Amino acid sequence: MPILVITGTGTEVGKTVTTAAVAAAAVAAGRSVAVLKAAQTGVRPDERGDADEVARLAGAVTAAEVARFPEPLAPGTAARRAGLRPVRPQDVAEAAAKLATEHDLVLVEGAGGLLVRFDEAGGTLADVARLLNAPVLLVASAGLGTLNTTELTARELRARELELLGVVIGSWPDSPDLASRCNVADLPEVAGAPLLGALPAGAGALSPAEFRAVAPSWLSARLDGNWDAEAFRAREAA
């Protein structure tokens, strides 16, 4: 798995912090890692983007972006409004493939969900995964509503004959409600793929040293961690 595409069921589900955790666990396992942000929106040229945040938390990783647009909108819309050339799936795939020649693992982080449009032709992160023949990791929220968005994304991946590696809960609350506890069992069922981790709420606020030390405990062995899905389910599920 030299390239892994990371998407979310929507915005603000913990995708960037999850990407950082996957990167930190891979680095701890002795792998060289690059993180590629397909399209960074809502950030000025002098501001830190998501790839920079991953590098801050995860440590010794290469951080790169394909394109950056100033307004916090879908990449295609943001590019059009800024009068800039949009990022295209081929651009992202070529950048990821180049990084893969120099690193053991390349993490390609999308913008928003799987089908957020990059350009006027309707190119998406799903097209990037197809061009790279890369598996997809899906970051989902914990609570009410997540089953629908998770299943819709999983169905779209299957329709496109793309591999869904698994699901990670991007922010597990300190005091989970009934819906969240039930979703521990239901998420892998609706996704048709295993639950591969759960990040505690506020993980991104840890110091980089703390984050790197504990990141493997949030992720399963498939993601270079030591998180136990069965033990988590027994402890947290309703």
Protein backbone atom coordinates (compact mmCIF):
# COMPACT_ATOMS: atom_id res chain seq x y z
CA MET A 1 0.00 0.00 0.00
CA PRO A 2 2.41 2.72 -1.15
CA ILE A 3 -0.43 5.25 -1.65
CA LEU A 4 -3.51 5.67 0.54
CA VAL A 5 -6.30 8.12 -0.29
CA ILE A 6 -8.03 9.61 2.76
CA THR A 7 -11.50 11.10 2.49
CA GLY A 8 -14.28 12.01 4.89
CA THR A 9 -18.05 11.64 4.99
CA GLY A 10 -18.12 15.46 4.94
CA THR A 11 -16.30 18.45 6.37
CA GLU A 12 -15.18 18.79 9.98
CA VAL A 13 -15.13 15.04 10.68
CA GLY A 14 -11.47 14.90 11.74
CA LYS A 15 -9.90 14.04 8.40
CA THR A 16 -6.70 16.07 8.82
CA VAL A 17 -6.04 14.88 12.38
CA THR A 18 -6.70 11.30 11.27
CA THR A 19 -4.25 11.77 8.40
CA ALA A 20 -1.71 13.01 10.94
CA ALA A 21 -2.31 9.97 13.14
CA VAL A 22 -1.84 7.58 10.22
CA ALA A 23 1.35 9.42 9.28
CA ALA A 24 2.66 9.37 12.86
CA ALA A 25 2.00 5.65 13.24
CA ALA A 26 3.73 4.91 9.94
CA VAL A 27 6.76 6.99 10.94
CA ALA A 28 6.90 5.19 14.28
CA ALA A 29 6.92 1.91 12.34
CA GLY A 30 9.99 3.11 10.46
CA ARG A 31 8.38 4.13 7.20
CA SER A 32 9.12 7.30 5.21
CA VAL A 33 5.91 9.25 4.68
CA ALA A 34 4.66 12.04 2.43
CA VAL A 35 1.34 13.84 2.83
CA LEU A 36 -0.26 15.40 -0.24
CA LYS A 37 -3.22 17.76 0.06
CA ALA A 38 -5.14 17.53 -3.19
CA ALA A 39 -6.66 21.00 -2.96
CA GLN A 40 -6.31 23.39 -0.04
CA THR A 41 -9.11 25.94 0.24
CA GLY A 42 -9.83 28.77 2.65
CA VAL A 43 -6.16 29.53 3.36
CA ARG A 44 -4.06 32.52 2.31
CA PRO A 45 -0.65 31.98 0.67
CA ASP A 46 1.14 32.88 3.93
CA GLU A 47 -0.98 30.60 6.16
CA ARG A 48 -0.37 27.01 7.18
CA GLY A 49 -2.53 24.46 5.39
CA ASP A 50 -3.73 20.98 6.30
CA ALA A 51 -0.55 19.29 5.05
CA ASP A 52 1.50 21.61 7.26
CA GLU A 53 -0.69 20.70 10.24
CA VAL A 54 -0.15 17.01 9.55
CA ALA A 55 3.61 17.59 9.48
CA ARG A 56 3.46 19.59 12.73
CA LEU A 57 1.68 16.77 14.54
CA ALA A 58 3.26 13.75 12.88
CA GLY A 59 6.88 14.87 12.69
CA ALA A 60 9.28 13.77 9.98
CA VAL A 61 6.97 13.74 6.96
CA THR A 62 7.09 15.50 3.61
CA ALA A 63 4.19 17.94 3.23
CA ALA A 64 2.94 19.03 -0.18
CA GLU A 65 -0.09 20.62 -1.87
CA VAL A 66 -1.25 20.42 -5.45
CA ALA A 67 -3.23 23.67 -5.40
CA ARG A 68 -4.40 26.36 -2.98
CA PHE A 69 -7.40 28.66 -3.21
CA PRO A 70 -8.28 31.51 -0.81
CA GLU A 71 -12.00 30.99 -0.19
CA PRO A 72 -13.37 28.15 2.00
CA LEU A 73 -15.40 26.54 -0.77
CA ALA A 74 -15.38 23.38 -2.86
CA PRO A 75 -12.14 23.39 -4.88
CA GLY A 76 -13.85 23.80 -8.24
CA THR A 77 -15.92 26.74 -7.01
CA ALA A 78 -12.97 28.29 -5.17
CA ALA A 79 -10.79 28.08 -8.27
CA ARG A 80 -13.45 29.64 -10.49
CA ARG A 81 -14.10 32.53 -8.11
CA ALA A 82 -10.37 33.21 -7.74
CA GLY A 83 -9.79 33.10 -11.50
CA LEU A 84 -7.24 30.34 -11.03
CA ARG A 85 -6.67 27.09 -12.88
CA PRO A 86 -8.53 24.30 -11.10
CA VAL A 87 -6.78 21.23 -9.80
CA ARG A 88 -7.54 18.15 -11.88
CA PRO A 89 -7.48 14.50 -10.80
CA GLN A 90 -4.56 13.82 -13.13
CA ASP A 91 -2.55 16.58 -11.43
CA VAL A 92 -3.08 14.97 -8.02
CA ALA A 93 -2.34 11.48 -9.29
CA GLU A 94 0.90 12.60 -10.94
CA ALA A 95 2.06 14.41 -7.79
CA ALA A 96 1.26 11.38 -5.62
CA ALA A 97 3.00 8.97 -7.98
CA LYS A 98 6.14 11.12 -7.93
CA LEU A 99 6.16 11.23 -4.13
CA ALA A 100 5.71 7.45 -4.07
CA THR A 101 9.03 7.00 -5.83
CA GLU A 102 10.74 8.69 -2.88
CA HIS A 103 8.65 7.52 0.12
CA ASP A 104 7.32 4.26 1.53
CA LEU A 105 3.84 5.71 2.03
CA VAL A 106 1.99 8.63 0.44
CA LEU A 107 -1.20 9.87 2.09
CA VAL A 108 -3.45 11.81 -0.27
CA GLU A 109 -5.92 13.91 1.71
CA GLY A 110 -8.98 15.16 -0.10
CA ALA A 111 -11.08 18.27 0.46
CA GLY A 112 -14.43 17.57 2.11
CA GLY A 113 -16.07 14.35 0.92
CA LEU A 114 -15.40 11.86 -1.85
CA LEU A 115 -17.41 13.60 -4.58
CA VAL A 116 -16.53 17.23 -3.93
CA ARG A 117 -15.73 18.63 -7.37
CA PHE A 118 -12.23 19.72 -8.28
CA ASP A 119 -12.94 21.19 -11.71
CA GLU A 120 -15.60 22.08 -14.27
CA ALA A 121 -15.43 18.56 -15.70
CA GLY A 122 -16.62 17.11 -12.40
CA GLY A 123 -13.34 15.48 -11.41
CA THR A 124 -13.24 14.24 -7.81
CA LEU A 125 -11.07 12.44 -5.29
CA ALA A 126 -12.69 9.20 -6.42
CA ASP A 127 -11.12 9.79 -9.83
CA VAL A 128 -7.75 10.29 -8.14
CA ALA A 129 -8.08 6.93 -6.36
CA ARG A 130 -9.01 5.27 -9.66
CA LEU A 131 -6.03 6.77 -11.50
CA LEU A 132 -3.69 5.62 -8.73
CA ASN A 133 -5.44 2.28 -8.16
CA ALA A 134 -5.17 3.20 -4.48
CA PRO A 135 -7.31 2.09 -1.53
CA VAL A 136 -9.45 4.65 0.29
CA LEU A 137 -9.66 5.25 4.03
CA LEU A 138 -12.94 6.83 5.13
CA VAL A 139 -13.07 9.15 8.13
CA ALA A 140 -16.52 9.33 9.70
CA SER A 141 -18.12 11.18 12.57
CA ALA A 142 -19.33 9.28 15.62
CA GLY A 143 -22.88 10.47 16.17
CA LEU A 144 -26.34 10.65 14.69
CA GLY A 145 -26.39 10.87 10.88
CA THR A 146 -23.06 9.20 10.26
CA LEU A 147 -24.53 5.88 9.11
CA ASN A 148 -26.23 7.47 6.11
CA THR A 149 -23.20 9.41 4.89
CA THR A 150 -20.90 6.46 5.52
CA GLU A 151 -23.08 4.04 3.58
CA LEU A 152 -23.54 6.46 0.69
CA THR A 153 -19.77 6.92 0.40
CA ALA A 154 -19.12 3.18 0.65
CA ARG A 155 -21.71 2.45 -2.03
CA GLU A 156 -20.15 5.02 -4.36
CA LEU A 157 -16.72 3.46 -3.89
CA ARG A 158 -18.09 0.00 -4.66
CA ALA A 159 -19.94 1.31 -7.72
CA ARG A 160 -16.63 2.66 -8.99
CA GLU A 161 -14.85 -0.62 -8.09
CA LEU A 162 -12.58 1.17 -5.64
CA GLU A 163 -11.28 -0.48 -2.48
CA LEU A 164 -12.55 0.84 0.84
CA LEU A 165 -9.76 -0.09 3.24
CA GLY A 166 -11.85 0.73 6.30
CA VAL A 167 -13.42 3.41 8.47
CA VAL A 168 -11.88 5.54 11.22
CA ILE A 169 -13.98 7.55 13.64
CA GLY A 170 -12.39 10.97 13.45
CA SER A 171 -13.45 12.24 16.88
CA TRP A 172 -14.72 9.92 19.61
CA PRO A 173 -16.42 11.93 22.39
CA ASP A 174 -15.45 11.70 26.04
CA SER A 175 -19.08 10.95 26.92
CA PRO A 176 -20.60 9.23 23.88
CA ASP A 177 -24.37 9.34 23.51
CA LEU A 178 -26.56 6.38 22.61
CA ALA A 179 -26.27 6.96 18.86
CA SER A 180 -22.48 7.07 19.01
CA ARG A 181 -22.29 3.88 21.06
CA CYS A 182 -24.62 2.04 18.68
CA ASN A 183 -22.64 3.31 15.69
CA VAL A 184 -19.51 1.47 16.85
CA ALA A 185 -21.20 -1.75 15.75
CA ASP A 186 -23.22 -0.30 12.89
CA LEU A 187 -20.49 1.65 11.04
CA PRO A 188 -18.56 -1.39 9.75
CA GLU A 189 -21.88 -3.03 8.86
CA VAL A 190 -23.11 -0.18 6.65
CA ALA A 191 -19.63 0.41 5.21
CA GLY A 192 -18.97 -3.21 4.38
CA ALA A 193 -15.46 -2.60 5.68
CA PRO A 194 -13.74 -2.84 9.07
CA LEU A 195 -13.51 -0.17 11.72
CA LEU A 196 -9.79 0.62 11.77
CA GLY A 197 -9.56 3.18 14.56
CA ALA A 198 -11.08 5.91 16.66
CA LEU A 199 -9.39 9.17 17.58
CA PRO A 200 -10.32 10.80 20.88
CA ALA A 201 -12.00 14.20 20.72
CA GLY A 202 -9.40 16.94 20.97
CA ALA A 203 -6.54 14.79 19.69
CA GLY A 204 -5.31 17.61 17.48
CA ALA A 205 -4.82 19.85 20.53
CA LEU A 206 -2.18 17.56 22.01
CA SER A 207 1.44 18.63 21.82
CA PRO A 208 3.26 17.09 18.86
CA ALA A 209 5.32 14.89 21.20
CA GLU A 210 2.20 13.59 22.95
CA PHE A 211 0.39 13.10 19.66
CA ARG A 212 3.19 11.02 18.15
CA ALA A 213 3.54 8.91 21.29
CA VAL A 214 -0.11 7.87 21.43
CA ALA A 215 -1.23 7.95 17.78
CA PRO A 216 -0.59 4.21 17.22
CA SER A 217 -3.00 3.40 20.05
CA TRP A 218 -5.84 4.98 18.05
CA LEU A 219 -5.32 2.88 14.91
CA SER A 220 -5.42 -0.81 14.07
CA ALA A 221 -2.50 -2.91 12.89
CA ARG A 222 -3.62 -2.35 9.28
CA LEU A 223 -2.61 1.29 9.84
CA ASP A 224 0.60 0.51 11.76
CA GLY A 225 -1.11 0.84 15.14
CA ASN A 226 -2.14 -1.38 18.02
CA TRP A 227 -5.78 -0.35 18.52
CA ASP A 228 -8.09 -3.31 19.22
CA ALA A 229 -11.50 -2.96 17.58
CA GLU A 230 -13.08 -5.72 19.66
CA ALA A 231 -11.84 -4.27 22.93
CA PHE A 232 -13.09 -0.82 21.90
CA ARG A 233 -16.48 -2.22 20.95
CA ALA A 234 -16.78 -4.12 24.23
CA ARG A 235 -15.91 -1.00 26.21
CA GLU A 236 -17.82 1.67 24.27
CA ALA A 237 -20.69 0.09 22.34
CA ALA A 238 -24.27 0.09 23.60
